[in-house]
Amino acid sequence: MYDSLVPWIRSPWDQLSTKCPLEFPTYISGDGTVAAELGRLKPNADGSDYVLVKEGTVSYISPEGKTINLSYVADEYGFRATGDHLPTPPEA
């Protein structure tokens, strides 16, 4: 499946902090892949509990040499991704 192993240039374990447990570290790999994620707790609709909201980005080089940028949000409404490389739904 993969031609070779890709080394990590920076990993989450290089950046751990107890000051803000909802800041997730950035990954940078030797092939140029970058992934970053932030999270926060948001009160649910009735205020009785919290929902973890995660927002992030991933950037990598496709096999065709094009830079792919993906952004996403994951919350109580599910996972929603955006990026120019993703298909768009037809108009209703």
N, C-alpha and C. Protein backbone atom coordinates (compact mmCIF):
# COMPACT_ATOMS: atom_id res chain seq x y z
N MET A 1 0.82 -1.19 0.00
CA MET A 1 0.00 0.00 0.00
C MET A 1 0.87 1.25 0.00
N TYR A 2 1.88 1.32 0.86
CA TYR A 2 2.76 2.48 0.93
C TYR A 2 4.16 2.08 0.48
N ASP A 3 4.84 2.98 -0.22
CA ASP A 3 6.17 2.69 -0.71
C ASP A 3 7.23 2.74 0.38
N SER A 4 7.06 3.63 1.35
CA SER A 4 8.07 3.76 2.40
C SER A 4 7.44 4.36 3.65
N LEU A 5 8.17 4.27 4.73
CA LEU A 5 7.71 4.88 5.98
C LEU A 5 7.93 6.38 5.92
N VAL A 6 7.04 7.14 6.52
CA VAL A 6 7.14 8.60 6.56
C VAL A 6 7.47 9.00 7.99
N PRO A 7 8.60 9.68 8.21
CA PRO A 7 8.96 10.06 9.58
C PRO A 7 8.14 11.24 10.07
N TRP A 8 7.92 11.28 11.39
CA TRP A 8 7.29 12.45 12.00
C TRP A 8 8.35 13.51 12.22
N ILE A 9 8.06 14.74 11.85
CA ILE A 9 8.95 15.86 12.12
C ILE A 9 8.61 16.45 13.48
N ARG A 10 7.34 16.53 13.77
CA ARG A 10 6.88 17.01 15.08
C ARG A 10 5.65 16.19 15.45
N SER A 11 5.53 15.83 16.70
CA SER A 11 4.38 15.05 17.14
C SER A 11 3.74 15.73 18.34
N PRO A 12 2.53 15.28 18.71
CA PRO A 12 1.85 15.89 19.85
C PRO A 12 2.65 15.79 21.14
N TRP A 13 3.42 14.77 21.27
CA TRP A 13 4.15 14.56 22.51
C TRP A 13 5.24 15.60 22.70
N ASP A 14 5.60 16.32 21.64
CA ASP A 14 6.58 17.41 21.75
C ASP A 14 5.95 18.66 22.34
N GLN A 15 4.62 18.74 22.37
CA GLN A 15 3.94 19.98 22.70
C GLN A 15 2.93 19.87 23.83
N LEU A 16 2.94 18.78 24.56
CA LEU A 16 1.92 18.60 25.59
C LEU A 16 1.95 19.71 26.62
N SER A 17 0.79 20.15 27.00
CA SER A 17 0.67 21.21 27.99
C SER A 17 -0.53 20.91 28.87
N THR A 18 -0.40 21.17 30.14
CA THR A 18 -1.54 20.98 31.04
C THR A 18 -2.34 22.26 31.19
N LYS A 19 -1.88 23.37 30.59
CA LYS A 19 -2.57 24.65 30.73
C LYS A 19 -3.90 24.67 30.00
N CYS A 20 -3.97 24.05 28.86
CA CYS A 20 -5.19 24.06 28.07
C CYS A 20 -5.41 22.66 27.50
N PRO A 21 -6.09 21.80 28.22
CA PRO A 21 -6.23 20.42 27.76
C PRO A 21 -7.02 20.25 26.48
N LEU A 22 -7.69 21.29 26.02
CA LEU A 22 -8.45 21.16 24.78
C LEU A 22 -7.70 21.66 23.56
N GLU A 23 -6.46 22.07 23.73
CA GLU A 23 -5.62 22.39 22.57
C GLU A 23 -4.91 21.13 22.18
N PHE A 24 -5.20 20.64 20.98
CA PHE A 24 -4.57 19.42 20.52
C PHE A 24 -3.35 19.80 19.68
N PRO A 25 -2.26 19.10 19.83
CA PRO A 25 -1.02 19.46 19.15
C PRO A 25 -1.11 19.31 17.63
N THR A 26 -0.18 19.95 16.95
CA THR A 26 -0.06 19.87 15.51
C THR A 26 0.88 18.74 15.14
N TYR A 27 0.51 17.99 14.11
CA TYR A 27 1.39 16.96 13.55
C TYR A 27 2.02 17.51 12.28
N ILE A 28 3.29 17.27 12.09
CA ILE A 28 3.96 17.58 10.83
C ILE A 28 4.78 16.35 10.48
N SER A 29 4.58 15.81 9.27
CA SER A 29 5.32 14.62 8.87
C SER A 29 6.36 14.96 7.81
N GLY A 30 7.25 14.03 7.58
CA GLY A 30 8.35 14.23 6.64
C GLY A 30 7.91 14.39 5.20
N ASP A 31 6.69 13.96 4.86
CA ASP A 31 6.22 14.13 3.48
C ASP A 31 5.43 15.41 3.29
N GLY A 32 5.41 16.27 4.32
CA GLY A 32 4.73 17.56 4.21
C GLY A 32 3.30 17.58 4.72
N THR A 33 2.81 16.47 5.22
CA THR A 33 1.46 16.44 5.77
C THR A 33 1.43 17.22 7.08
N VAL A 34 0.42 18.07 7.22
CA VAL A 34 0.26 18.87 8.44
C VAL A 34 -1.18 18.67 8.93
N ALA A 35 -1.34 18.39 10.21
CA ALA A 35 -2.67 18.25 10.80
C ALA A 35 -2.71 19.02 12.10
N ALA A 36 -3.73 19.85 12.27
CA ALA A 36 -3.88 20.64 13.48
C ALA A 36 -5.33 20.56 13.93
N GLU A 37 -5.54 20.56 15.25
CA GLU A 37 -6.89 20.44 15.77
C GLU A 37 -7.02 21.20 17.08
N LEU A 38 -8.15 21.86 17.24
CA LEU A 38 -8.49 22.55 18.49
C LEU A 38 -9.83 22.02 18.97
N GLY A 39 -10.03 22.05 20.26
CA GLY A 39 -11.30 21.60 20.81
C GLY A 39 -11.76 22.53 21.90
N ARG A 40 -13.05 22.50 22.15
CA ARG A 40 -13.61 23.30 23.23
C ARG A 40 -14.88 22.63 23.71
N LEU A 41 -15.23 22.90 24.94
CA LEU A 41 -16.49 22.40 25.48
C LEU A 41 -17.55 23.47 25.30
N LYS A 42 -18.70 23.05 24.81
CA LYS A 42 -19.82 23.96 24.58
C LYS A 42 -21.03 23.41 25.34
N PRO A 43 -21.74 24.26 26.06
CA PRO A 43 -22.94 23.77 26.75
C PRO A 43 -23.95 23.20 25.75
N ASN A 44 -24.59 22.09 26.13
CA ASN A 44 -25.62 21.55 25.24
C ASN A 44 -26.86 22.43 25.27
N ALA A 45 -27.86 22.07 24.47
CA ALA A 45 -29.03 22.92 24.28
C ALA A 45 -29.75 23.29 25.58
N ASP A 46 -29.87 22.34 26.51
CA ASP A 46 -30.59 22.65 27.74
C ASP A 46 -29.67 23.07 28.89
N GLY A 47 -28.37 23.15 28.62
CA GLY A 47 -27.42 23.61 29.62
C GLY A 47 -27.09 22.60 30.70
N SER A 48 -27.55 21.36 30.54
CA SER A 48 -27.32 20.35 31.58
C SER A 48 -25.99 19.62 31.43
N ASP A 49 -25.33 19.77 30.29
CA ASP A 49 -24.09 19.04 30.03
C ASP A 49 -23.29 19.81 28.98
N TYR A 50 -22.18 19.22 28.56
CA TYR A 50 -21.33 19.86 27.57
C TYR A 50 -21.11 18.94 26.38
N VAL A 51 -20.81 19.56 25.25
CA VAL A 51 -20.47 18.85 24.02
C VAL A 51 -19.04 19.23 23.67
N LEU A 52 -18.22 18.24 23.30
CA LEU A 52 -16.87 18.54 22.83
C LEU A 52 -16.95 18.92 21.36
N VAL A 53 -16.51 20.10 21.02
CA VAL A 53 -16.47 20.58 19.65
C VAL A 53 -15.02 20.57 19.21
N LYS A 54 -14.75 19.88 18.10
CA LYS A 54 -13.39 19.83 17.56
C LYS A 54 -13.39 20.47 16.18
N GLU A 55 -12.40 21.31 15.94
CA GLU A 55 -12.22 21.94 14.64
C GLU A 55 -10.78 21.69 14.23
N GLY A 56 -10.58 21.38 12.95
CA GLY A 56 -9.22 21.10 12.54
C GLY A 56 -8.99 21.28 11.06
N THR A 57 -7.73 21.14 10.69
CA THR A 57 -7.32 21.21 9.30
C THR A 57 -6.29 20.11 9.04
N VAL A 58 -6.30 19.64 7.81
CA VAL A 58 -5.30 18.68 7.34
C VAL A 58 -4.86 19.16 5.97
N SER A 59 -3.57 19.15 5.74
CA SER A 59 -3.02 19.55 4.44
C SER A 59 -2.02 18.48 4.02
N TYR A 60 -2.12 18.05 2.76
CA TYR A 60 -1.18 17.05 2.26
C TYR A 60 -1.04 17.19 0.75
N ILE A 61 -0.06 16.52 0.19
CA ILE A 61 0.18 16.54 -1.25
C ILE A 61 -0.42 15.28 -1.85
N SER A 62 -1.29 15.44 -2.84
CA SER A 62 -1.92 14.28 -3.49
C SER A 62 -0.89 13.56 -4.36
N PRO A 63 -1.20 12.33 -4.80
CA PRO A 63 -0.29 11.62 -5.71
C PRO A 63 -0.04 12.39 -7.01
N GLU A 64 -0.97 13.28 -7.37
CA GLU A 64 -0.80 14.10 -8.58
C GLU A 64 0.03 15.35 -8.33
N GLY A 65 0.46 15.56 -7.09
CA GLY A 65 1.29 16.71 -6.75
C GLY A 65 0.51 17.95 -6.34
N LYS A 66 -0.79 17.83 -6.19
CA LYS A 66 -1.63 18.97 -5.81
C LYS A 66 -1.74 19.04 -4.28
N THR A 67 -1.68 20.26 -3.73
CA THR A 67 -1.88 20.43 -2.30
C THR A 67 -3.36 20.33 -1.98
N ILE A 68 -3.69 19.44 -1.07
CA ILE A 68 -5.07 19.22 -0.64
C ILE A 68 -5.23 19.84 0.75
N ASN A 69 -6.21 20.71 0.90
CA ASN A 69 -6.51 21.33 2.19
C ASN A 69 -7.92 20.93 2.60
N LEU A 70 -8.03 20.36 3.79
CA LEU A 70 -9.31 19.91 4.32
C LEU A 70 -9.52 20.58 5.67
N SER A 71 -10.69 21.15 5.88
CA SER A 71 -11.07 21.71 7.18
C SER A 71 -12.28 20.94 7.67
N TYR A 72 -12.42 20.83 8.98
CA TYR A 72 -13.57 20.09 9.51
C TYR A 72 -14.00 20.62 10.86
N VAL A 73 -15.25 20.31 11.17
CA VAL A 73 -15.84 20.57 12.48
C VAL A 73 -16.56 19.29 12.89
N ALA A 74 -16.40 18.90 14.13
CA ALA A 74 -17.14 17.76 14.69
C ALA A 74 -17.79 18.24 15.97
N ASP A 75 -19.10 18.12 16.03
CA ASP A 75 -19.83 18.60 17.21
C ASP A 75 -21.11 17.79 17.37
N GLU A 76 -22.08 18.33 18.07
CA GLU A 76 -23.33 17.60 18.30
C GLU A 76 -24.11 17.36 17.01
N TYR A 77 -23.74 18.03 15.92
CA TYR A 77 -24.42 17.85 14.64
C TYR A 77 -23.69 16.87 13.73
N GLY A 78 -22.60 16.29 14.21
CA GLY A 78 -21.84 15.33 13.41
C GLY A 78 -20.54 15.91 12.89
N PHE A 79 -19.97 15.22 11.92
CA PHE A 79 -18.69 15.60 11.31
C PHE A 79 -18.98 16.27 9.98
N ARG A 80 -18.44 17.48 9.79
CA ARG A 80 -18.63 18.22 8.54
C ARG A 80 -17.28 18.66 8.01
N ALA A 81 -16.97 18.22 6.81
CA ALA A 81 -15.69 18.55 6.20
C ALA A 81 -15.89 19.46 5.00
N THR A 82 -14.92 20.34 4.77
CA THR A 82 -14.95 21.21 3.60
C THR A 82 -13.57 21.20 2.95
N GLY A 83 -13.56 21.35 1.65
CA GLY A 83 -12.32 21.41 0.89
C GLY A 83 -12.64 21.48 -0.59
N ASP A 84 -11.79 22.16 -1.34
CA ASP A 84 -12.02 22.30 -2.78
C ASP A 84 -12.02 20.96 -3.51
N HIS A 85 -11.37 19.96 -2.95
CA HIS A 85 -11.26 18.65 -3.59
C HIS A 85 -12.50 17.78 -3.36
N LEU A 86 -13.38 18.18 -2.45
CA LEU A 86 -14.57 17.39 -2.15
C LEU A 86 -15.70 17.69 -3.13
N PRO A 87 -16.48 16.67 -3.49
CA PRO A 87 -17.61 16.93 -4.40
C PRO A 87 -18.67 17.79 -3.71
N THR A 88 -19.37 18.55 -4.50
CA THR A 88 -20.46 19.38 -3.96
C THR A 88 -21.78 18.71 -4.28
N PRO A 89 -22.74 18.78 -3.37
CA PRO A 89 -24.04 18.14 -3.63
C PRO A 89 -24.80 18.91 -4.71
N PRO A 90 -25.64 18.21 -5.45
CA PRO A 90 -26.44 18.90 -6.47
C PRO A 90 -27.46 19.82 -5.80
N GLU A 91 -27.85 20.86 -6.52
CA GLU A 91 -28.86 21.77 -5.99
C GLU A 91 -30.20 21.06 -5.92
N ALA A 92 -30.96 21.36 -4.89
CA ALA A 92 -32.27 20.71 -4.71
C ALA A 92 -33.32 21.36 -5.57
